[in-house]
Amino acid sequence: MDNSRMRIYCAGPLFNQPEREEMTLLATALEDAGFETFLPHRDGLELTKCVEELIRNGLARDRANRVMSEAVFALDVFQVLQSCDVVVANLNGRVPDEGTVSEAAIAWSRGKPVVGYKTDSRTAFGGQDNPLVVGLFDFDLCDSAPKVVAKVEAIARSGICPENRKSAREDEIASRLQLGSEIWRALRGNRGVEGIVEILSGRDPQEAITLTA
């Protein structure tokens, strides 16, 4: 696929100026490589202004806030699942931004390519990132904008169609379910750490189907 035909959803924390500047730099790197981007603070809804306008039009504040929350969620789902081809997720911060993780998970569940970006040295578990987060990115995060661009370019070159990506994701989920089931049976059977290690030692870490490219 031609880079100019691909649209990238740039997800990340946007709560202060440095965070917004970092997201803009990430989007710019992708745009310089020929990709189109969706950057929420530049292209999305202005929440506060819309709420105030709804109130001026007669809605109670609680109702206006609810209406705008639904609008933000709907726009994000549309952009992630239909309008954009890839989600790039900035995971920097003491913990990753919850909205970013949600957007990445929505994309992952439907077979959309997701690319993780992290330069922050802080981790959840003594040098290891939260597996429930990094698992969405095949446990492989990019630590620079050029690496993000390279990974997105590899996705573009792969030429895998959305239908095939969705099918392959279902296969990957089945593989994860199988491993989880084996681990749960070992736990229920009181096989202890030795039983868990036996299961994991005989498993190829690359066995699960991945969709990073």
N, C-alpha and C. Protein backbone atom coordinates (compact mmCIF):
# COMPACT_ATOMS: atom_id res chain seq x y z
N MET A 1 0.85 -1.20 0.00
CA MET A 1 0.00 0.00 0.00
C MET A 1 0.88 1.25 0.00
N ASP A 2 0.53 2.21 -0.82
CA ASP A 2 1.23 3.48 -0.88
C ASP A 2 1.06 4.23 0.45
N ASN A 3 2.19 4.80 0.96
CA ASN A 3 2.12 5.54 2.22
C ASN A 3 1.04 6.61 2.21
N SER A 4 0.90 7.29 1.06
CA SER A 4 -0.04 8.41 0.98
C SER A 4 -1.49 7.94 1.09
N ARG A 5 -1.73 6.64 0.97
CA ARG A 5 -3.08 6.11 1.06
C ARG A 5 -3.40 5.61 2.47
N MET A 6 -2.41 5.64 3.36
CA MET A 6 -2.61 5.14 4.71
C MET A 6 -2.82 6.29 5.68
N ARG A 7 -3.76 6.09 6.59
CA ARG A 7 -4.08 7.10 7.60
C ARG A 7 -3.79 6.50 8.98
N ILE A 8 -3.07 7.26 9.78
CA ILE A 8 -2.59 6.76 11.06
C ILE A 8 -3.28 7.51 12.20
N TYR A 9 -3.86 6.75 13.14
CA TYR A 9 -4.44 7.34 14.34
C TYR A 9 -3.32 7.48 15.36
N CYS A 10 -3.04 8.70 15.79
CA CYS A 10 -1.99 8.97 16.77
C CYS A 10 -2.63 9.10 18.15
N ALA A 11 -2.48 8.07 18.96
CA ALA A 11 -3.09 8.05 20.29
C ALA A 11 -2.03 8.33 21.34
N GLY A 12 -2.40 9.09 22.36
CA GLY A 12 -1.45 9.37 23.42
C GLY A 12 -1.99 10.38 24.40
N PRO A 13 -1.26 10.63 25.48
CA PRO A 13 -1.69 11.61 26.49
C PRO A 13 -1.61 13.03 25.94
N LEU A 14 -2.63 13.83 26.30
CA LEU A 14 -2.74 15.20 25.75
C LEU A 14 -3.12 16.20 26.84
N PHE A 15 -2.67 15.95 28.07
CA PHE A 15 -3.17 16.73 29.19
C PHE A 15 -2.33 17.97 29.52
N ASN A 16 -1.19 18.13 28.88
CA ASN A 16 -0.39 19.33 29.09
C ASN A 16 0.39 19.64 27.82
N GLN A 17 1.03 20.78 27.78
CA GLN A 17 1.70 21.23 26.57
C GLN A 17 2.83 20.29 26.13
N PRO A 18 3.71 19.83 27.04
CA PRO A 18 4.76 18.90 26.59
C PRO A 18 4.19 17.62 25.97
N GLU A 19 3.10 17.10 26.54
CA GLU A 19 2.50 15.90 25.96
C GLU A 19 1.95 16.18 24.57
N ARG A 20 1.28 17.32 24.41
CA ARG A 20 0.75 17.67 23.08
C ARG A 20 1.87 17.89 22.08
N GLU A 21 2.96 18.51 22.52
CA GLU A 21 4.10 18.74 21.62
C GLU A 21 4.72 17.41 21.18
N GLU A 22 4.84 16.47 22.12
CA GLU A 22 5.39 15.16 21.76
C GLU A 22 4.50 14.45 20.74
N MET A 23 3.18 14.53 20.93
CA MET A 23 2.27 13.91 19.98
C MET A 23 2.35 14.57 18.61
N THR A 24 2.51 15.89 18.60
CA THR A 24 2.64 16.61 17.33
C THR A 24 3.91 16.19 16.61
N LEU A 25 5.01 16.04 17.34
CA LEU A 25 6.26 15.61 16.74
C LEU A 25 6.14 14.20 16.15
N LEU A 26 5.43 13.33 16.85
CA LEU A 26 5.24 11.96 16.36
C LEU A 26 4.41 11.97 15.08
N ALA A 27 3.33 12.77 15.08
CA ALA A 27 2.50 12.87 13.88
C ALA A 27 3.28 13.48 12.71
N THR A 28 4.10 14.48 13.01
CA THR A 28 4.90 15.13 11.96
C THR A 28 5.87 14.15 11.32
N ALA A 29 6.50 13.29 12.14
CA ALA A 29 7.42 12.29 11.60
C ALA A 29 6.70 11.36 10.62
N LEU A 30 5.48 10.97 10.96
CA LEU A 30 4.70 10.12 10.07
C LEU A 30 4.28 10.86 8.82
N GLU A 31 3.88 12.11 8.97
CA GLU A 31 3.46 12.92 7.82
C GLU A 31 4.64 13.18 6.88
N ASP A 32 5.83 13.39 7.44
CA ASP A 32 7.02 13.60 6.61
C ASP A 32 7.36 12.35 5.79
N ALA A 33 6.91 11.19 6.29
CA ALA A 33 7.13 9.94 5.55
C ALA A 33 6.02 9.68 4.53
N GLY A 34 5.05 10.59 4.46
CA GLY A 34 4.00 10.48 3.45
C GLY A 34 2.67 9.97 3.94
N PHE A 35 2.56 9.71 5.25
CA PHE A 35 1.30 9.23 5.81
C PHE A 35 0.39 10.38 6.19
N GLU A 36 -0.91 10.14 6.15
CA GLU A 36 -1.90 11.07 6.71
C GLU A 36 -2.14 10.66 8.15
N THR A 37 -2.37 11.63 9.02
CA THR A 37 -2.58 11.30 10.43
C THR A 37 -3.86 11.93 10.97
N PHE A 38 -4.40 11.27 12.00
CA PHE A 38 -5.45 11.87 12.82
C PHE A 38 -4.84 12.12 14.19
N LEU A 39 -4.82 13.39 14.58
CA LEU A 39 -4.24 13.81 15.85
C LEU A 39 -5.37 14.42 16.68
N PRO A 40 -5.80 13.76 17.75
CA PRO A 40 -7.03 14.17 18.44
C PRO A 40 -7.10 15.63 18.85
N HIS A 41 -6.02 16.19 19.41
CA HIS A 41 -6.11 17.58 19.88
C HIS A 41 -6.09 18.57 18.73
N ARG A 42 -5.71 18.11 17.54
CA ARG A 42 -5.72 18.97 16.35
C ARG A 42 -6.95 18.75 15.50
N ASP A 43 -7.39 17.51 15.40
CA ASP A 43 -8.44 17.14 14.45
C ASP A 43 -9.75 16.73 15.09
N GLY A 44 -9.76 16.55 16.41
CA GLY A 44 -10.95 16.03 17.07
C GLY A 44 -11.86 17.10 17.64
N LEU A 45 -12.74 16.67 18.53
CA LEU A 45 -13.73 17.57 19.14
C LEU A 45 -13.10 18.43 20.22
N GLU A 46 -13.57 19.68 20.30
CA GLU A 46 -13.18 20.56 21.41
C GLU A 46 -14.24 20.39 22.49
N LEU A 47 -13.94 19.53 23.43
CA LEU A 47 -14.94 19.07 24.40
C LEU A 47 -15.57 20.22 25.18
N THR A 48 -14.76 21.07 25.77
CA THR A 48 -15.29 22.14 26.62
C THR A 48 -16.18 23.10 25.84
N LYS A 49 -15.73 23.49 24.65
CA LYS A 49 -16.52 24.43 23.84
C LYS A 49 -17.85 23.81 23.43
N CYS A 50 -17.82 22.53 23.08
CA CYS A 50 -19.06 21.87 22.67
C CYS A 50 -20.03 21.74 23.84
N VAL A 51 -19.52 21.42 25.03
CA VAL A 51 -20.38 21.32 26.21
C VAL A 51 -21.04 22.66 26.49
N GLU A 52 -20.27 23.73 26.46
CA GLU A 52 -20.83 25.05 26.76
C GLU A 52 -21.89 25.46 25.72
N GLU A 53 -21.66 25.07 24.46
CA GLU A 53 -22.63 25.40 23.42
C GLU A 53 -23.92 24.60 23.63
N LEU A 54 -23.80 23.35 24.03
CA LEU A 54 -24.99 22.55 24.31
C LEU A 54 -25.78 23.14 25.48
N ILE A 55 -25.08 23.64 26.48
CA ILE A 55 -25.76 24.27 27.62
C ILE A 55 -26.48 25.54 27.18
N ARG A 56 -25.83 26.31 26.31
CA ARG A 56 -26.49 27.52 25.79
C ARG A 56 -27.73 27.17 24.98
N ASN A 57 -27.74 25.98 24.41
CA ASN A 57 -28.89 25.52 23.63
C ASN A 57 -29.96 24.85 24.50
N GLY A 58 -29.78 24.89 25.82
CA GLY A 58 -30.84 24.44 26.71
C GLY A 58 -30.62 23.14 27.45
N LEU A 59 -29.51 22.43 27.20
CA LEU A 59 -29.26 21.18 27.92
C LEU A 59 -28.70 21.46 29.31
N ALA A 60 -29.12 20.66 30.27
CA ALA A 60 -28.51 20.72 31.59
C ALA A 60 -27.06 20.27 31.49
N ARG A 61 -26.20 20.76 32.40
CA ARG A 61 -24.77 20.44 32.30
C ARG A 61 -24.51 18.93 32.35
N ASP A 62 -25.20 18.22 33.24
CA ASP A 62 -25.00 16.78 33.32
C ASP A 62 -25.33 16.10 32.00
N ARG A 63 -26.44 16.53 31.39
CA ARG A 63 -26.84 15.94 30.11
C ARG A 63 -25.86 16.33 29.00
N ALA A 64 -25.40 17.57 29.02
CA ALA A 64 -24.44 18.02 28.01
C ALA A 64 -23.14 17.23 28.11
N ASN A 65 -22.69 16.98 29.34
CA ASN A 65 -21.47 16.19 29.53
C ASN A 65 -21.65 14.77 29.02
N ARG A 66 -22.83 14.19 29.28
CA ARG A 66 -23.11 12.83 28.82
C ARG A 66 -23.14 12.78 27.29
N VAL A 67 -23.80 13.74 26.68
CA VAL A 67 -23.89 13.80 25.21
C VAL A 67 -22.50 13.89 24.60
N MET A 68 -21.65 14.74 25.18
CA MET A 68 -20.31 14.90 24.62
C MET A 68 -19.44 13.68 24.88
N SER A 69 -19.61 13.02 26.01
CA SER A 69 -18.86 11.79 26.26
C SER A 69 -19.19 10.74 25.20
N GLU A 70 -20.48 10.62 24.88
CA GLU A 70 -20.90 9.67 23.85
C GLU A 70 -20.34 10.07 22.48
N ALA A 71 -20.28 11.39 22.23
CA ALA A 71 -19.76 11.86 20.95
C ALA A 71 -18.27 11.57 20.81
N VAL A 72 -17.51 11.80 21.88
CA VAL A 72 -16.07 11.52 21.86
C VAL A 72 -15.82 10.04 21.63
N PHE A 73 -16.57 9.19 22.33
CA PHE A 73 -16.40 7.74 22.18
C PHE A 73 -16.74 7.32 20.75
N ALA A 74 -17.83 7.84 20.21
CA ALA A 74 -18.25 7.48 18.85
C ALA A 74 -17.21 7.92 17.82
N LEU A 75 -16.69 9.14 17.97
CA LEU A 75 -15.69 9.62 17.02
C LEU A 75 -14.43 8.77 17.08
N ASP A 76 -14.01 8.42 18.31
CA ASP A 76 -12.81 7.60 18.45
C ASP A 76 -13.00 6.22 17.82
N VAL A 77 -14.15 5.60 18.08
CA VAL A 77 -14.41 4.28 17.50
C VAL A 77 -14.41 4.37 15.96
N PHE A 78 -15.02 5.41 15.42
CA PHE A 78 -15.05 5.60 13.97
C PHE A 78 -13.63 5.77 13.42
N GLN A 79 -12.85 6.65 14.04
CA GLN A 79 -11.50 6.90 13.55
C GLN A 79 -10.63 5.66 13.65
N VAL A 80 -10.69 4.96 14.79
CA VAL A 80 -9.84 3.79 15.01
C VAL A 80 -10.22 2.64 14.09
N LEU A 81 -11.52 2.36 13.96
CA LEU A 81 -11.94 1.15 13.26
C LEU A 81 -12.24 1.36 11.77
N GLN A 82 -12.61 2.56 11.39
CA GLN A 82 -13.02 2.76 9.99
C GLN A 82 -12.16 3.76 9.23
N SER A 83 -11.87 4.90 9.83
CA SER A 83 -11.20 5.96 9.10
C SER A 83 -9.69 5.76 8.99
N CYS A 84 -9.09 5.12 9.99
CA CYS A 84 -7.64 4.97 10.03
C CYS A 84 -7.23 3.51 9.80
N ASP A 85 -6.01 3.35 9.29
CA ASP A 85 -5.50 2.02 8.95
C ASP A 85 -4.62 1.42 10.04
N VAL A 86 -3.96 2.28 10.82
CA VAL A 86 -3.02 1.85 11.85
C VAL A 86 -3.20 2.77 13.06
N VAL A 87 -3.01 2.22 14.25
CA VAL A 87 -2.98 3.03 15.47
C VAL A 87 -1.55 3.04 16.00
N VAL A 88 -1.01 4.24 16.17
CA VAL A 88 0.27 4.43 16.85
C VAL A 88 -0.03 4.96 18.24
N ALA A 89 0.42 4.24 19.26
CA ALA A 89 0.08 4.57 20.64
C ALA A 89 1.31 5.01 21.42
N ASN A 90 1.27 6.23 21.93
CA ASN A 90 2.33 6.75 22.79
C ASN A 90 2.06 6.29 24.22
N LEU A 91 2.93 5.45 24.77
CA LEU A 91 2.72 4.86 26.09
C LEU A 91 3.55 5.53 27.17
N ASN A 92 4.12 6.70 26.88
CA ASN A 92 4.92 7.40 27.87
C ASN A 92 4.08 7.86 29.05
N GLY A 93 4.71 7.96 30.21
CA GLY A 93 4.03 8.38 31.42
C GLY A 93 4.31 7.39 32.54
N ARG A 94 3.97 7.79 33.79
CA ARG A 94 4.17 6.86 34.91
C ARG A 94 3.41 5.57 34.66
N VAL A 95 2.19 5.70 34.13
CA VAL A 95 1.44 4.59 33.56
C VAL A 95 0.89 5.07 32.22
N PRO A 96 0.66 4.18 31.26
CA PRO A 96 0.11 4.63 29.98
C PRO A 96 -1.26 5.29 30.16
N ASP A 97 -1.54 6.28 29.33
CA ASP A 97 -2.84 6.95 29.35
C ASP A 97 -3.95 5.94 29.07
N GLU A 98 -5.00 5.96 29.92
CA GLU A 98 -6.06 4.94 29.81
C GLU A 98 -6.82 5.04 28.49
N GLY A 99 -7.02 6.25 27.99
CA GLY A 99 -7.71 6.39 26.70
C GLY A 99 -6.89 5.79 25.57
N THR A 100 -5.58 5.99 25.63
CA THR A 100 -4.69 5.43 24.62
C THR A 100 -4.75 3.91 24.61
N VAL A 101 -4.70 3.32 25.80
CA VAL A 101 -4.77 1.86 25.91
C VAL A 101 -6.11 1.35 25.38
N SER A 102 -7.19 2.07 25.69
CA SER A 102 -8.51 1.67 25.20
C SER A 102 -8.54 1.70 23.67
N GLU A 103 -8.01 2.77 23.07
CA GLU A 103 -8.00 2.89 21.60
C GLU A 103 -7.17 1.77 20.97
N ALA A 104 -6.02 1.48 21.57
CA ALA A 104 -5.18 0.40 21.05
C ALA A 104 -5.89 -0.95 21.17
N ALA A 105 -6.58 -1.16 22.29
CA ALA A 105 -7.28 -2.43 22.49
C ALA A 105 -8.44 -2.59 21.52
N ILE A 106 -9.17 -1.51 21.26
CA ILE A 106 -10.26 -1.57 20.29
C ILE A 106 -9.71 -1.98 18.92
N ALA A 107 -8.61 -1.35 18.53
CA ALA A 107 -7.99 -1.68 17.23
C ALA A 107 -7.51 -3.12 17.21
N TRP A 108 -6.80 -3.52 18.26
CA TRP A 108 -6.23 -4.87 18.33
C TRP A 108 -7.32 -5.93 18.21
N SER A 109 -8.44 -5.70 18.88
CA SER A 109 -9.51 -6.70 18.91
C SER A 109 -10.11 -6.95 17.53
N ARG A 110 -9.98 -5.97 16.64
CA ARG A 110 -10.54 -6.11 15.29
C ARG A 110 -9.47 -6.38 14.24
N GLY A 111 -8.24 -6.67 14.67
CA GLY A 111 -7.19 -7.01 13.73
C GLY A 111 -6.48 -5.83 13.11
N LYS A 112 -6.72 -4.62 13.62
CA LYS A 112 -6.01 -3.44 13.10
C LYS A 112 -4.57 -3.47 13.59
N PRO A 113 -3.62 -3.06 12.76
CA PRO A 113 -2.23 -2.98 13.23
C PRO A 113 -2.09 -1.90 14.31
N VAL A 114 -1.35 -2.23 15.36
CA VAL A 114 -1.08 -1.28 16.44
C VAL A 114 0.42 -1.22 16.67
N VAL A 115 0.93 -0.01 16.81
CA VAL A 115 2.37 0.21 17.00
C VAL A 115 2.55 0.97 18.30
N GLY A 116 3.35 0.42 19.20
CA GLY A 116 3.59 1.07 20.49
C GLY A 116 4.87 1.88 20.48
N TYR A 117 4.80 3.05 21.10
CA TYR A 117 5.95 3.97 21.19
C TYR A 117 6.18 4.32 22.65
N LYS A 118 7.42 4.12 23.13
CA LYS A 118 7.70 4.45 24.52
C LYS A 118 9.18 4.80 24.69
N THR A 119 9.44 5.99 25.23
CA THR A 119 10.81 6.40 25.56
C THR A 119 10.99 6.54 27.06
N ASP A 120 9.91 6.44 27.81
CA ASP A 120 9.92 6.60 29.27
C ASP A 120 10.53 5.35 29.91
N SER A 121 11.48 5.55 30.83
CA SER A 121 12.15 4.41 31.46
C SER A 121 11.34 3.79 32.59
N ARG A 122 10.27 4.47 33.02
CA ARG A 122 9.46 3.92 34.12
C ARG A 122 8.66 2.71 33.66
N THR A 123 8.63 1.68 34.50
CA THR A 123 7.93 0.46 34.15
C THR A 123 7.07 0.01 35.32
N ALA A 124 6.15 -0.90 35.04
CA ALA A 124 5.20 -1.34 36.07
C ALA A 124 5.81 -2.36 37.02
N PHE A 125 6.67 -3.25 36.52
CA PHE A 125 7.13 -4.37 37.32
C PHE A 125 8.64 -4.53 37.22
N GLY A 126 9.39 -3.66 37.88
CA GLY A 126 10.84 -3.82 37.98
C GLY A 126 11.54 -4.01 36.66
N GLY A 127 11.31 -3.11 35.72
CA GLY A 127 11.95 -3.19 34.42
C GLY A 127 11.10 -3.81 33.34
N GLN A 128 9.94 -4.34 33.71
CA GLN A 128 9.03 -4.94 32.74
C GLN A 128 7.74 -4.13 32.67
N ASP A 129 7.31 -3.84 31.46
CA ASP A 129 6.04 -3.14 31.29
C ASP A 129 4.88 -4.09 31.54
N ASN A 130 3.73 -3.52 31.81
CA ASN A 130 2.54 -4.31 32.08
C ASN A 130 2.25 -5.22 30.88
N PRO A 131 2.25 -6.54 31.07
CA PRO A 131 2.04 -7.44 29.93
C PRO A 131 0.67 -7.28 29.27
N LEU A 132 -0.33 -6.81 30.03
CA LEU A 132 -1.65 -6.62 29.43
C LEU A 132 -1.66 -5.42 28.48
N VAL A 133 -0.66 -4.54 28.61
CA VAL A 133 -0.53 -3.42 27.68
C VAL A 133 0.39 -3.81 26.52
N VAL A 134 1.61 -4.25 26.82
CA VAL A 134 2.57 -4.51 25.74
C VAL A 134 2.17 -5.72 24.91
N GLY A 135 1.30 -6.59 25.46
CA GLY A 135 0.81 -7.71 24.66
C GLY A 135 0.04 -7.26 23.44
N LEU A 136 -0.57 -6.07 23.52
CA LEU A 136 -1.29 -5.53 22.36
C LEU A 136 -0.34 -5.20 21.21
N PHE A 137 0.95 -5.06 21.54
CA PHE A 137 1.95 -4.66 20.54
C PHE A 137 2.95 -5.79 20.30
N ASP A 138 2.52 -7.02 20.55
CA ASP A 138 3.37 -8.19 20.37
C ASP A 138 4.63 -8.07 21.21
N PHE A 139 4.53 -7.40 22.38
CA PHE A 139 5.63 -7.27 23.33
C PHE A 139 6.86 -6.61 22.70
N ASP A 140 6.62 -5.70 21.77
CA ASP A 140 7.71 -5.05 21.04
C ASP A 140 7.35 -3.57 20.85
N LEU A 141 7.99 -2.69 21.63
CA LEU A 141 7.72 -1.26 21.56
C LEU A 141 8.85 -0.53 20.85
N CYS A 142 8.51 0.54 20.17
CA CYS A 142 9.49 1.40 19.52
C CYS A 142 9.95 2.48 20.50
N ASP A 143 11.26 2.77 20.51
CA ASP A 143 11.78 3.77 21.44
C ASP A 143 12.22 5.05 20.75
N SER A 144 11.77 5.24 19.51
CA SER A 144 12.05 6.50 18.80
C SER A 144 11.04 6.69 17.69
N ALA A 145 10.85 7.94 17.28
CA ALA A 145 9.92 8.23 16.19
C ALA A 145 10.36 7.57 14.88
N PRO A 146 11.66 7.59 14.52
CA PRO A 146 12.06 6.89 13.29
C PRO A 146 11.72 5.40 13.30
N LYS A 147 11.81 4.76 14.47
CA LYS A 147 11.44 3.34 14.54
C LYS A 147 9.94 3.15 14.35
N VAL A 148 9.15 4.09 14.86
CA VAL A 148 7.71 4.04 14.63
C VAL A 148 7.42 4.13 13.14
N VAL A 149 8.05 5.10 12.49
CA VAL A 149 7.85 5.29 11.05
C VAL A 149 8.24 4.03 10.29
N ALA A 150 9.38 3.44 10.65
CA ALA A 150 9.85 2.23 9.97
C ALA A 150 8.86 1.09 10.13
N LYS A 151 8.29 0.95 11.32
CA LYS A 151 7.34 -0.14 11.55
C LYS A 151 6.05 0.09 10.77
N VAL A 152 5.59 1.34 10.72
CA VAL A 152 4.38 1.64 9.95
C VAL A 152 4.64 1.42 8.46
N GLU A 153 5.83 1.78 8.00
CA GLU A 153 6.18 1.54 6.59
C GLU A 153 6.20 0.05 6.28
N ALA A 154 6.67 -0.77 7.23
CA ALA A 154 6.67 -2.22 7.02
C ALA A 154 5.24 -2.74 6.92
N ILE A 155 4.34 -2.18 7.72
CA ILE A 155 2.93 -2.56 7.64
C ILE A 155 2.37 -2.20 6.27
N ALA A 156 2.73 -1.00 5.78
CA ALA A 156 2.25 -0.56 4.47
C ALA A 156 2.75 -1.48 3.36
N ARG A 157 4.02 -1.89 3.47
CA ARG A 157 4.60 -2.76 2.43
C ARG A 157 4.03 -4.16 2.45
N SER A 158 3.54 -4.60 3.61
CA SER A 158 3.08 -5.99 3.73
C SER A 158 1.89 -6.28 2.82
N GLY A 159 1.06 -5.29 2.58
CA GLY A 159 -0.07 -5.46 1.68
C GLY A 159 -1.16 -6.40 2.20
N ILE A 160 -1.15 -6.70 3.51
CA ILE A 160 -2.18 -7.59 4.06
C ILE A 160 -3.50 -6.84 4.13
N CYS A 161 -4.55 -7.42 3.59
CA CYS A 161 -5.83 -6.76 3.54
C CYS A 161 -6.52 -6.82 4.92
N PRO A 162 -7.42 -5.87 5.22
CA PRO A 162 -8.09 -5.86 6.53
C PRO A 162 -8.79 -7.16 6.88
N GLU A 163 -9.40 -7.82 5.88
CA GLU A 163 -10.12 -9.06 6.16
C GLU A 163 -9.16 -10.15 6.64
N ASN A 164 -7.98 -10.23 6.00
CA ASN A 164 -7.00 -11.23 6.41
C ASN A 164 -6.42 -10.91 7.78
N ARG A 165 -6.24 -9.62 8.06
CA ARG A 165 -5.74 -9.23 9.38
C ARG A 165 -6.74 -9.63 10.47
N LYS A 166 -8.02 -9.41 10.20
CA LYS A 166 -9.05 -9.75 11.18
C LYS A 166 -9.08 -11.26 11.41
N SER A 167 -8.96 -12.04 10.35
CA SER A 167 -8.96 -13.49 10.47
C SER A 167 -7.74 -13.97 11.25
N ALA A 168 -6.59 -13.39 10.95
CA ALA A 168 -5.37 -13.78 11.65
C ALA A 168 -5.44 -13.40 13.13
N ARG A 169 -6.08 -12.27 13.43
CA ARG A 169 -6.23 -11.89 14.84
C ARG A 169 -7.09 -12.91 15.58
N GLU A 170 -8.13 -13.41 14.94
CA GLU A 170 -8.96 -14.44 15.57
C GLU A 170 -8.12 -15.68 15.86
N ASP A 171 -7.22 -16.03 14.94
CA ASP A 171 -6.33 -17.17 15.17
C ASP A 171 -5.40 -16.90 16.36
N GLU A 172 -4.90 -15.67 16.43
CA GLU A 172 -4.02 -15.31 17.55
C GLU A 172 -4.77 -15.40 18.87
N ILE A 173 -6.00 -14.87 18.90
CA ILE A 173 -6.80 -14.92 20.12
C ILE A 173 -7.04 -16.37 20.53
N ALA A 174 -7.31 -17.24 19.55
CA ALA A 174 -7.51 -18.66 19.86
C ALA A 174 -6.26 -19.27 20.49
N SER A 175 -5.09 -18.86 19.98
CA SER A 175 -3.84 -19.36 20.54
C SER A 175 -3.65 -18.88 21.97
N ARG A 176 -3.95 -17.60 22.22
CA ARG A 176 -3.83 -17.06 23.58
C ARG A 176 -4.82 -17.77 24.52
N LEU A 177 -6.02 -18.02 24.04
CA LEU A 177 -7.01 -18.72 24.85
C LEU A 177 -6.55 -20.12 25.22
N GLN A 178 -5.94 -20.79 24.27
CA GLN A 178 -5.45 -22.15 24.53
C GLN A 178 -4.39 -22.15 25.63
N LEU A 179 -3.43 -21.22 25.53
CA LEU A 179 -2.39 -21.15 26.55
C LEU A 179 -3.00 -20.77 27.90
N GLY A 180 -3.90 -19.80 27.90
CA GLY A 180 -4.54 -19.41 29.15
C GLY A 180 -5.29 -20.56 29.78
N SER A 181 -5.95 -21.37 28.95
CA SER A 181 -6.69 -22.53 29.45
C SER A 181 -5.75 -23.54 30.09
N GLU A 182 -4.61 -23.79 29.46
CA GLU A 182 -3.64 -24.74 30.01
C GLU A 182 -3.11 -24.25 31.35
N ILE A 183 -2.82 -22.95 31.43
CA ILE A 183 -2.32 -22.39 32.69
C ILE A 183 -3.38 -22.49 33.78
N TRP A 184 -4.64 -22.21 33.43
CA TRP A 184 -5.72 -22.26 34.41
C TRP A 184 -5.92 -23.68 34.93
N ARG A 185 -5.84 -24.67 34.04
CA ARG A 185 -6.00 -26.07 34.47
C ARG A 185 -4.88 -26.46 35.44
N ALA A 186 -3.67 -25.95 35.16
CA ALA A 186 -2.55 -26.24 36.06
C ALA A 186 -2.77 -25.59 37.42
N LEU A 187 -3.28 -24.38 37.42
CA LEU A 187 -3.56 -23.70 38.68
C LEU A 187 -4.65 -24.43 39.47
N ARG A 188 -5.71 -24.81 38.77
CA ARG A 188 -6.81 -25.52 39.43
C ARG A 188 -6.38 -26.90 39.92
N GLY A 189 -5.40 -27.47 39.25
CA GLY A 189 -4.93 -28.80 39.63
C GLY A 189 -3.82 -28.76 40.66
N ASN A 190 -3.55 -27.57 41.20
CA ASN A 190 -2.52 -27.41 42.24
C ASN A 190 -1.16 -27.96 41.81
N ARG A 191 -0.84 -27.71 40.54
CA ARG A 191 0.45 -28.20 40.04
C ARG A 191 1.60 -27.28 40.42
N GLY A 192 1.28 -26.12 40.97
CA GLY A 192 2.31 -25.22 41.46
C GLY A 192 3.14 -24.59 40.36
N VAL A 193 4.20 -23.92 40.80
CA VAL A 193 5.08 -23.23 39.86
C VAL A 193 5.69 -24.20 38.87
N GLU A 194 6.04 -25.39 39.35
CA GLU A 194 6.67 -26.37 38.47
C GLU A 194 5.76 -26.72 37.29
N GLY A 195 4.47 -26.85 37.55
CA GLY A 195 3.53 -27.18 36.48
C GLY A 195 3.41 -26.05 35.46
N ILE A 196 3.40 -24.83 35.96
CA ILE A 196 3.33 -23.67 35.05
C ILE A 196 4.57 -23.60 34.19
N VAL A 197 5.74 -23.77 34.83
CA VAL A 197 7.01 -23.71 34.10
C VAL A 197 7.08 -24.81 33.05
N GLU A 198 6.55 -25.98 33.37
CA GLU A 198 6.54 -27.08 32.40
C GLU A 198 5.75 -26.70 31.15
N ILE A 199 4.61 -26.06 31.35
CA ILE A 199 3.79 -25.62 30.21
C ILE A 199 4.53 -24.59 29.38
N LEU A 200 5.10 -23.61 30.06
CA LEU A 200 5.74 -22.50 29.35
C LEU A 200 7.06 -22.91 28.70
N SER A 201 7.78 -23.83 29.31
CA SER A 201 9.08 -24.25 28.77
C SER A 201 8.94 -24.97 27.44
N GLY A 202 7.81 -25.63 27.25
CA GLY A 202 7.62 -26.38 26.01
C GLY A 202 6.93 -25.59 24.92
N ARG A 203 6.82 -24.27 25.13
CA ARG A 203 6.09 -23.44 24.17
C ARG A 203 7.03 -22.49 23.46
N ASP A 204 6.89 -22.41 22.15
CA ASP A 204 7.65 -21.46 21.36
C ASP A 204 7.07 -20.06 21.58
N PRO A 205 7.89 -19.07 22.06
CA PRO A 205 7.35 -17.72 22.28
C PRO A 205 6.78 -17.09 21.03
N GLN A 206 7.19 -17.55 19.86
CA GLN A 206 6.69 -16.99 18.61
C GLN A 206 5.52 -17.78 18.03
N GLU A 207 4.99 -18.72 18.84
CA GLU A 207 3.95 -19.61 18.32
C GLU A 207 2.69 -18.85 17.95
N ALA A 208 2.31 -17.85 18.77
CA ALA A 208 1.09 -17.10 18.48
C ALA A 208 1.26 -16.30 17.20
N ILE A 209 0.25 -16.28 16.39
CA ILE A 209 0.27 -15.49 15.16
C ILE A 209 0.28 -14.03 15.52
N THR A 210 1.17 -13.25 14.88
CA THR A 210 1.23 -11.82 15.17
C THR A 210 0.99 -11.03 13.89
N LEU A 211 0.63 -9.76 14.08
CA LEU A 211 0.24 -8.93 12.95
C LEU A 211 0.99 -7.61 12.95
N THR A 212 2.24 -7.59 13.37
CA THR A 212 2.97 -6.34 13.43
C THR A 212 3.37 -5.86 12.04
N ALA A 213 3.31 -6.73 11.06
CA ALA A 213 3.63 -6.32 9.69
C ALA A 213 2.74 -7.09 8.73
